[in-house]
């Protein structure tokens, strides 16, 4: 049996070490066992003639490649994968992003609430594919303090100011240690991180770390903090869940779509006091756990995250991708809509 060749268009490559690249790299690995798969930033290129399926990450940033494919092949074989900035900003204001939705055979969102953010006419050709991460052992965690880790490059869309402000509200005697991983994509935010580290000895900005070291930091943390303004489906959330580390997250669509509407670990976007309160509750729960007191917030968050871990299994993601490719190869007239539950 001959499998169609696939090109993944990603606006970021390995040097960016961001969510788009992690998705592209993982999809190449998951599909590569059966299909010829390559990753490129621009299309067409010297190898374009052999491509039969296009998976384009980002409706706006990959819009030129999406339009070029549509001009050459029509919608057949073209899937556009929507990021957080696509769903919660660009498709409402940017004509290139809107055009990407129109010309694609199929659309993919990365968490269940992403479908609700699409225009009504686009939902019929959209499906959910949850991303995945390898299951990691929960590592021993200190009881001397609560370790909170935040992972994300310092950009306004990630709202690191919320973490800076929460660190100031907590103070050095709170028993909470905060580690912040990510490069200063915006210089002003890097300066704020350095200032916060100087003035708050319980806040530590580690800069960018290799992916393996980042995952180990997540495994050793008691909680992952995620403050973003908008998300399509954050890698660090699934990596935390697959490591047995609960999450404290801003209540925005992309986070709720991964963690569930009833999850207890939300704070309102930009609410540093709300985040600080949740961290204090988790620290109190950590102390209570040493006294065999059940049903603390920290224990409930662990249990709620454990119920979601199967959504982010690599085998489930590969199966969903294989169905996507099969439907793209079959063409628009026979496509089926697949919603992940």
Protein backbone atom coordinates (compact mmCIF):
# COMPACT_ATOMS: atom_id res chain seq x y z
CA UNK A 1 0.00 0.00 0.00
CA UNK A 2 1.32 3.44 -0.93
CA UNK A 3 0.77 6.19 1.61
CA UNK A 4 0.44 9.84 0.51
CA UNK A 5 3.32 12.20 1.17
CA UNK A 6 2.62 14.92 3.72
CA UNK A 7 4.04 18.41 4.11
CA UNK A 8 3.63 20.16 7.45
CA UNK A 9 3.84 23.94 7.15
CA UNK A 10 5.01 25.48 10.43
CA UNK A 11 5.75 29.19 10.96
CA UNK A 12 8.41 28.13 13.49
CA UNK A 13 11.22 25.59 13.23
CA UNK A 14 13.48 23.99 15.82
CA UNK A 15 15.36 27.16 16.77
CA UNK A 16 12.11 28.74 18.02
CA UNK A 17 11.39 25.86 20.44
CA UNK A 18 7.75 26.94 20.74
CA UNK A 19 4.37 25.26 20.52
CA UNK A 20 4.14 25.31 16.73
CA UNK A 21 7.49 23.59 16.38
CA UNK A 22 6.68 21.01 19.06
CA UNK A 23 3.44 20.16 17.23
CA UNK A 24 5.15 19.91 13.84
CA UNK A 25 7.97 17.75 15.20
CA UNK A 26 5.62 15.39 17.04
CA UNK A 27 3.24 15.02 14.08
CA UNK A 28 6.17 14.19 11.80
CA UNK A 29 7.18 11.49 14.27
CA UNK A 30 3.64 10.10 14.72
CA UNK A 31 2.86 9.99 10.99
CA UNK A 32 6.36 9.18 9.79
CA UNK A 33 6.13 5.49 10.60
CA UNK A 34 3.79 5.05 7.63
CA UNK A 35 3.89 8.25 5.55
CA UNK A 36 6.64 10.32 3.98
CA UNK A 37 6.52 13.53 6.06
CA UNK A 38 8.51 16.73 5.90
CA UNK A 39 8.34 20.13 7.63
CA UNK A 40 8.80 23.48 5.91
CA UNK A 41 8.17 27.15 6.66
CA UNK A 42 7.31 28.14 3.09
CA UNK A 43 5.41 26.44 0.31
CA UNK A 44 5.85 25.91 -2.61
CA UNK A 45 9.53 25.03 -2.48
CA UNK A 46 11.87 22.74 -4.40
CA UNK A 47 10.11 19.60 -3.12
CA UNK A 48 6.52 20.81 -3.52
CA UNK A 49 5.65 18.61 -6.51
CA UNK A 50 5.75 15.44 -4.42
CA UNK A 51 3.41 16.75 -1.69
CA UNK A 52 -0.08 15.23 -1.62
CA UNK A 53 -1.36 16.39 1.77
CA UNK A 54 -0.74 19.72 3.52
CA UNK A 55 -1.15 20.24 7.27
CA UNK A 56 -0.73 23.99 7.81
CA UNK A 57 -0.19 25.23 11.34
CA UNK A 58 -1.61 28.73 11.90
CA UNK A 59 -4.30 30.25 9.67
CA UNK A 60 -2.70 33.68 9.53
CA UNK A 61 1.04 33.03 9.64
CA UNK A 62 0.83 30.17 7.11
CA UNK A 63 -1.76 31.96 4.95
CA UNK A 64 0.52 32.35 1.91
CA UNK A 65 1.29 28.62 1.82
CA UNK A 66 -2.40 27.78 2.34
CA UNK A 67 -3.44 30.03 -0.53
CA UNK A 68 -0.70 28.66 -2.79
CA UNK A 69 -1.93 25.11 -2.15
CA UNK A 70 -5.52 26.13 -2.84
CA UNK A 71 -4.45 27.76 -6.10
CA UNK A 72 -2.63 24.60 -7.17
CA UNK A 73 -4.97 21.89 -5.87
CA UNK A 74 -8.18 23.47 -4.61
CA UNK A 75 -9.26 22.44 -1.10
CA UNK A 76 -8.45 18.75 -1.55
CA UNK A 77 -5.76 17.52 0.82
CA UNK A 78 -5.55 20.79 2.78
CA UNK A 79 -6.05 21.00 6.56
CA UNK A 80 -5.51 24.18 8.55
CA UNK A 81 -4.69 23.80 12.24
CA UNK A 82 -5.85 26.75 14.33
CA UNK A 83 -3.76 28.27 17.11
CA UNK A 84 -4.97 30.40 20.01
CA UNK A 85 -4.26 33.69 18.26
CA UNK A 86 -6.11 32.34 15.22
CA UNK A 87 -9.20 31.34 17.19
CA UNK A 88 -9.42 34.19 19.64
CA UNK A 89 -8.19 37.09 17.52
CA UNK A 90 -7.10 36.66 13.92
CA UNK A 91 -10.11 34.95 12.33
CA UNK A 92 -12.30 37.83 13.48
CA UNK A 93 -10.13 40.65 12.10
CA UNK A 94 -7.59 39.31 9.59
CA UNK A 95 -8.67 38.64 6.00
CA UNK A 96 -5.79 36.26 5.28
CA UNK A 97 -6.73 34.10 8.27
CA UNK A 98 -10.38 34.16 7.22
CA UNK A 99 -9.41 33.11 3.71
CA UNK A 100 -7.45 30.14 5.13
CA UNK A 101 -10.62 28.90 6.80
CA UNK A 102 -12.58 29.27 3.59
CA UNK A 103 -10.20 27.41 1.26
CA UNK A 104 -9.29 24.46 3.52
CA UNK A 105 -10.90 21.07 3.09
CA UNK A 106 -10.73 20.46 6.85
CA UNK A 107 -10.01 22.51 9.96
CA UNK A 108 -8.45 21.27 13.19
CA UNK A 109 -8.70 22.76 16.68
CA UNK A 110 -6.64 21.45 19.57
CA UNK A 111 -9.15 21.57 22.41
CA UNK A 112 -12.89 21.09 22.72
CA UNK A 113 -13.95 24.73 23.10
CA UNK A 114 -12.08 25.67 19.92
CA UNK A 115 -15.09 24.59 17.85
CA UNK A 116 -17.24 27.22 19.56
CA UNK A 117 -14.82 29.97 18.51
CA UNK A 118 -15.21 29.17 14.80
CA UNK A 119 -17.73 30.89 12.53
CA UNK A 120 -20.88 28.78 12.24
CA UNK A 121 -20.26 27.99 8.57
CA UNK A 122 -16.76 26.61 9.34
CA UNK A 123 -17.74 24.18 12.10
CA UNK A 124 -19.07 21.51 9.74
CA UNK A 125 -15.55 20.83 8.44
CA UNK A 126 -13.79 21.14 11.82
CA UNK A 127 -12.66 18.51 14.29
CA UNK A 128 -10.79 18.32 17.58
CA UNK A 129 -7.42 16.62 17.80
CA UNK A 130 -5.92 16.72 21.27
CA UNK A 131 -2.16 16.93 21.31
CA UNK A 132 -0.18 14.42 23.32
CA UNK A 133 2.84 13.94 25.52
CA UNK A 134 4.64 10.90 26.84
CA UNK A 135 3.53 9.73 30.26
CA UNK A 136 6.12 10.64 32.88
CA UNK A 137 6.60 9.33 36.38
CA UNK A 138 5.56 11.70 39.14
CA UNK A 139 8.80 12.62 40.89
CA UNK A 140 9.23 13.02 44.66
CA UNK A 141 8.36 16.55 45.76
CA UNK A 142 9.68 18.45 48.74
CA UNK A 143 7.35 19.23 51.64
CA UNK A 144 9.43 22.21 52.79
CA UNK A 145 7.82 24.52 50.25
CA UNK A 146 5.36 24.56 47.39
CA UNK A 147 7.15 24.57 44.04
CA UNK A 148 5.27 26.39 41.30
CA UNK A 149 6.64 26.45 37.76
CA UNK A 150 5.55 28.58 34.83
CA UNK A 151 6.73 27.70 31.31
CA UNK A 152 6.44 30.07 28.37
CA UNK A 153 8.50 32.62 26.51
CA UNK A 154 8.05 36.12 27.88
CA UNK A 155 5.47 37.65 25.53
CA UNK A 156 2.43 39.80 26.24
CA UNK A 157 0.06 37.07 25.01
CA UNK A 158 1.42 34.81 27.79
CA UNK A 159 0.67 37.49 30.43
CA UNK A 160 3.80 36.99 32.58
CA UNK A 161 3.00 40.25 34.40
CA UNK A 162 0.32 38.28 36.29
CA UNK A 163 3.01 35.98 37.69
CA UNK A 164 5.30 38.89 38.57
CA UNK A 165 2.50 40.60 40.48
CA UNK A 166 1.47 37.38 42.24
CA UNK A 167 5.06 36.85 43.39
CA UNK A 168 5.04 40.30 44.98
CA UNK A 169 1.73 39.60 46.73
CA UNK A 170 2.97 36.32 48.18
CA UNK A 171 6.19 37.52 49.75
CA UNK A 172 9.28 35.54 50.77
CA UNK A 173 7.73 33.94 53.87
CA UNK A 174 4.81 32.30 52.05
CA UNK A 175 6.53 28.94 51.70
CA UNK A 176 6.04 29.16 47.91
CA UNK A 177 8.94 29.01 45.46
CA UNK A 178 8.26 30.15 41.88
CA UNK A 179 10.40 29.07 38.91
CA UNK A 180 9.79 30.76 35.56
CA UNK A 181 11.14 29.11 32.38
CA UNK A 182 11.23 30.92 29.03
CA UNK A 183 13.31 33.32 27.01
CA UNK A 184 12.63 37.06 26.91
CA UNK A 185 10.93 37.30 23.52
CA UNK A 186 10.04 40.88 24.49
CA UNK A 187 12.91 42.81 26.09
CA UNK A 188 10.72 44.86 28.42
CA UNK A 189 9.24 41.71 29.94
CA UNK A 190 12.74 40.29 30.39
CA UNK A 191 13.69 43.38 32.37
CA UNK A 192 10.57 43.00 34.52
CA UNK A 193 11.50 39.35 35.18
CA UNK A 194 15.01 40.36 36.25
CA UNK A 195 13.64 43.10 38.51
CA UNK A 196 11.15 40.70 40.07
CA UNK A 197 13.93 38.18 40.73
CA UNK A 198 16.05 40.88 42.41
CA UNK A 199 13.22 42.10 44.61
CA UNK A 200 11.43 38.77 45.30
CA UNK A 201 13.87 36.10 46.41
CA UNK A 202 11.22 33.37 46.05
CA UNK A 203 10.84 34.11 42.31
CA UNK A 204 13.48 32.60 40.00
CA UNK A 205 13.66 33.34 36.27
CA UNK A 206 15.66 30.54 34.63
CA UNK A 207 15.45 31.75 31.02
CA UNK A 208 15.10 29.24 28.20
CA UNK A 209 15.87 25.59 29.00
CA UNK A 210 16.05 22.50 26.77
CA UNK A 211 12.79 20.63 26.46
CA UNK A 212 14.00 17.68 28.55
CA UNK A 213 15.06 19.94 31.41
CA UNK A 214 11.75 21.79 31.23
CA UNK A 215 9.78 18.56 31.52
CA UNK A 216 11.86 17.54 34.54
CA UNK A 217 11.09 20.88 36.17
CA UNK A 218 7.38 20.26 35.56
CA UNK A 219 7.68 16.76 37.06
CA UNK A 220 9.30 18.14 40.21
CA UNK A 221 6.81 20.99 40.66
CA UNK A 222 3.73 20.78 42.84
CA UNK A 223 1.76 22.96 40.38
CA UNK A 224 2.16 24.40 36.91
CA UNK A 225 1.03 28.02 36.52
CA UNK A 226 -0.35 29.11 33.15
CA UNK A 227 -1.38 32.77 32.85
CA UNK A 228 -2.01 33.19 29.09
CA UNK A 229 -4.44 35.63 27.53
CA UNK A 230 -5.24 33.21 24.70
CA UNK A 231 -4.31 29.62 23.90
CA UNK A 232 -5.14 27.14 21.18
CA UNK A 233 -4.13 24.17 23.34
CA UNK A 234 -1.02 24.67 25.46
CA UNK A 235 1.66 21.98 25.34
CA UNK A 236 2.74 22.68 28.90
CA UNK A 237 -0.73 21.92 30.25
CA UNK A 238 -0.81 18.45 28.74
CA UNK A 239 2.82 17.86 29.75
CA UNK A 240 1.94 18.76 33.33
CA UNK A 241 -1.11 16.49 33.34
CA UNK A 242 0.91 13.63 31.85
CA UNK A 243 3.51 14.18 34.62
CA UNK A 244 1.01 14.09 37.49
CA UNK A 245 1.39 17.83 38.14
CA UNK A 246 -1.86 19.82 38.53
CA UNK A 247 -2.38 23.16 36.83
CA UNK A 248 -3.41 26.65 37.91
CA UNK A 249 -4.62 28.38 34.74
CA UNK A 250 -6.27 31.55 33.53
CA UNK A 251 -9.93 31.02 32.72
CA UNK A 252 -9.67 31.43 28.95
CA UNK A 253 -11.21 29.22 26.28
CA UNK A 254 -8.07 27.31 25.32
CA UNK A 255 -7.29 26.37 28.91
CA UNK A 256 -10.87 25.45 29.81
CA UNK A 257 -11.06 23.35 26.65
CA UNK A 258 -8.15 21.24 27.93
CA UNK A 259 -8.90 21.09 31.64
CA UNK A 260 -12.71 20.97 31.58
CA UNK A 261 -15.40 23.42 32.64
CA UNK A 262 -15.68 22.05 36.18
CA UNK A 263 -11.97 22.24 36.97
CA UNK A 264 -11.23 24.06 40.23
CA UNK A 265 -7.82 25.52 39.40
CA UNK A 266 -8.84 28.64 37.44
CA UNK A 267 -8.23 32.32 38.12
CA UNK A 268 -9.52 35.12 35.94
CA UNK A 269 -7.10 36.32 33.29
CA UNK A 270 -4.84 39.02 34.70
CA UNK A 271 -5.99 38.44 38.30
CA UNK A 272 -2.72 38.25 40.22
CA UNK A 273 -4.54 38.24 43.57
CA UNK A 274 -6.65 35.29 42.45
CA UNK A 275 -3.54 33.39 41.39
CA UNK A 276 -1.80 34.20 44.69
CA UNK A 277 -4.84 32.94 46.62
CA UNK A 278 -4.85 29.64 44.71
CA UNK A 279 -1.14 29.19 45.37
CA UNK A 280 -1.69 29.86 49.07
CA UNK A 281 -4.54 27.32 49.12
CA UNK A 282 -2.28 24.75 47.48
CA UNK A 283 0.44 25.45 50.03
CA UNK A 284 -2.08 25.01 52.85
CA UNK A 285 -3.21 21.75 51.26
CA UNK A 286 0.38 20.58 51.08
CA UNK A 287 0.74 21.12 54.83
CA UNK A 288 -2.59 19.41 55.50
CA UNK A 289 -1.51 16.37 53.49
CA UNK A 290 1.26 15.72 56.03
CA UNK A 291 -1.46 15.54 58.69
CA UNK A 292 -3.62 13.06 56.69
CA UNK A 293 -6.36 15.60 56.05
CA UNK A 294 -8.14 14.64 52.79
CA UNK A 295 -9.95 16.66 50.12
CA UNK A 296 -7.63 19.67 50.03
CA UNK A 297 -7.62 21.82 46.90
CA UNK A 298 -4.24 20.44 45.87
CA UNK A 299 -5.48 16.85 46.20
CA UNK A 300 -8.66 17.63 44.25
CA UNK A 301 -6.70 19.26 41.43
CA UNK A 302 -4.47 16.20 41.18
CA UNK A 303 -7.51 13.95 40.92
CA UNK A 304 -9.23 16.17 38.34
CA UNK A 305 -6.11 16.29 36.17
CA UNK A 306 -5.69 12.51 36.42
CA UNK A 307 -9.13 12.10 34.86
CA UNK A 308 -7.97 14.06 31.78
CA UNK A 309 -4.69 12.28 31.17
CA UNK A 310 -6.10 9.80 28.63
CA UNK A 311 -7.08 12.68 26.32
CA UNK A 312 -3.40 13.44 25.75
CA UNK A 313 -2.15 9.93 24.97
CA UNK A 314 0.16 9.68 21.92
CA UNK A 315 -1.70 6.65 20.60
CA UNK A 316 -4.98 8.57 20.59
CA UNK A 317 -3.36 11.51 18.83
CA UNK A 318 -1.80 9.29 16.16
CA UNK A 319 -5.13 7.59 15.48
CA UNK A 320 -6.84 10.97 15.11
CA UNK A 321 -4.11 12.14 12.73
CA UNK A 322 -4.43 9.01 10.63
CA UNK A 323 -8.18 9.58 10.32
CA UNK A 324 -7.49 13.19 9.33
CA UNK A 325 -5.07 12.15 6.58
CA UNK A 326 -7.47 9.47 5.33
CA UNK A 327 -10.27 12.01 5.04
CA UNK A 328 -8.02 14.53 3.31
CA UNK A 329 -6.97 11.90 0.79
CA UNK A 330 -10.59 10.91 0.17
CA UNK A 331 -11.52 14.46 -0.75
CA UNK A 332 -14.21 16.94 0.31
CA UNK A 333 -17.12 14.94 -1.08
CA UNK A 334 -16.61 12.06 1.37
CA UNK A 335 -15.17 13.82 4.40
CA UNK A 336 -16.59 13.01 7.80
CA UNK A 337 -16.69 15.21 10.80
CA UNK A 338 -14.91 13.82 13.84
CA UNK A 339 -15.25 15.48 17.22
CA UNK A 340 -13.03 14.35 20.07
CA UNK A 341 -14.90 13.81 23.29
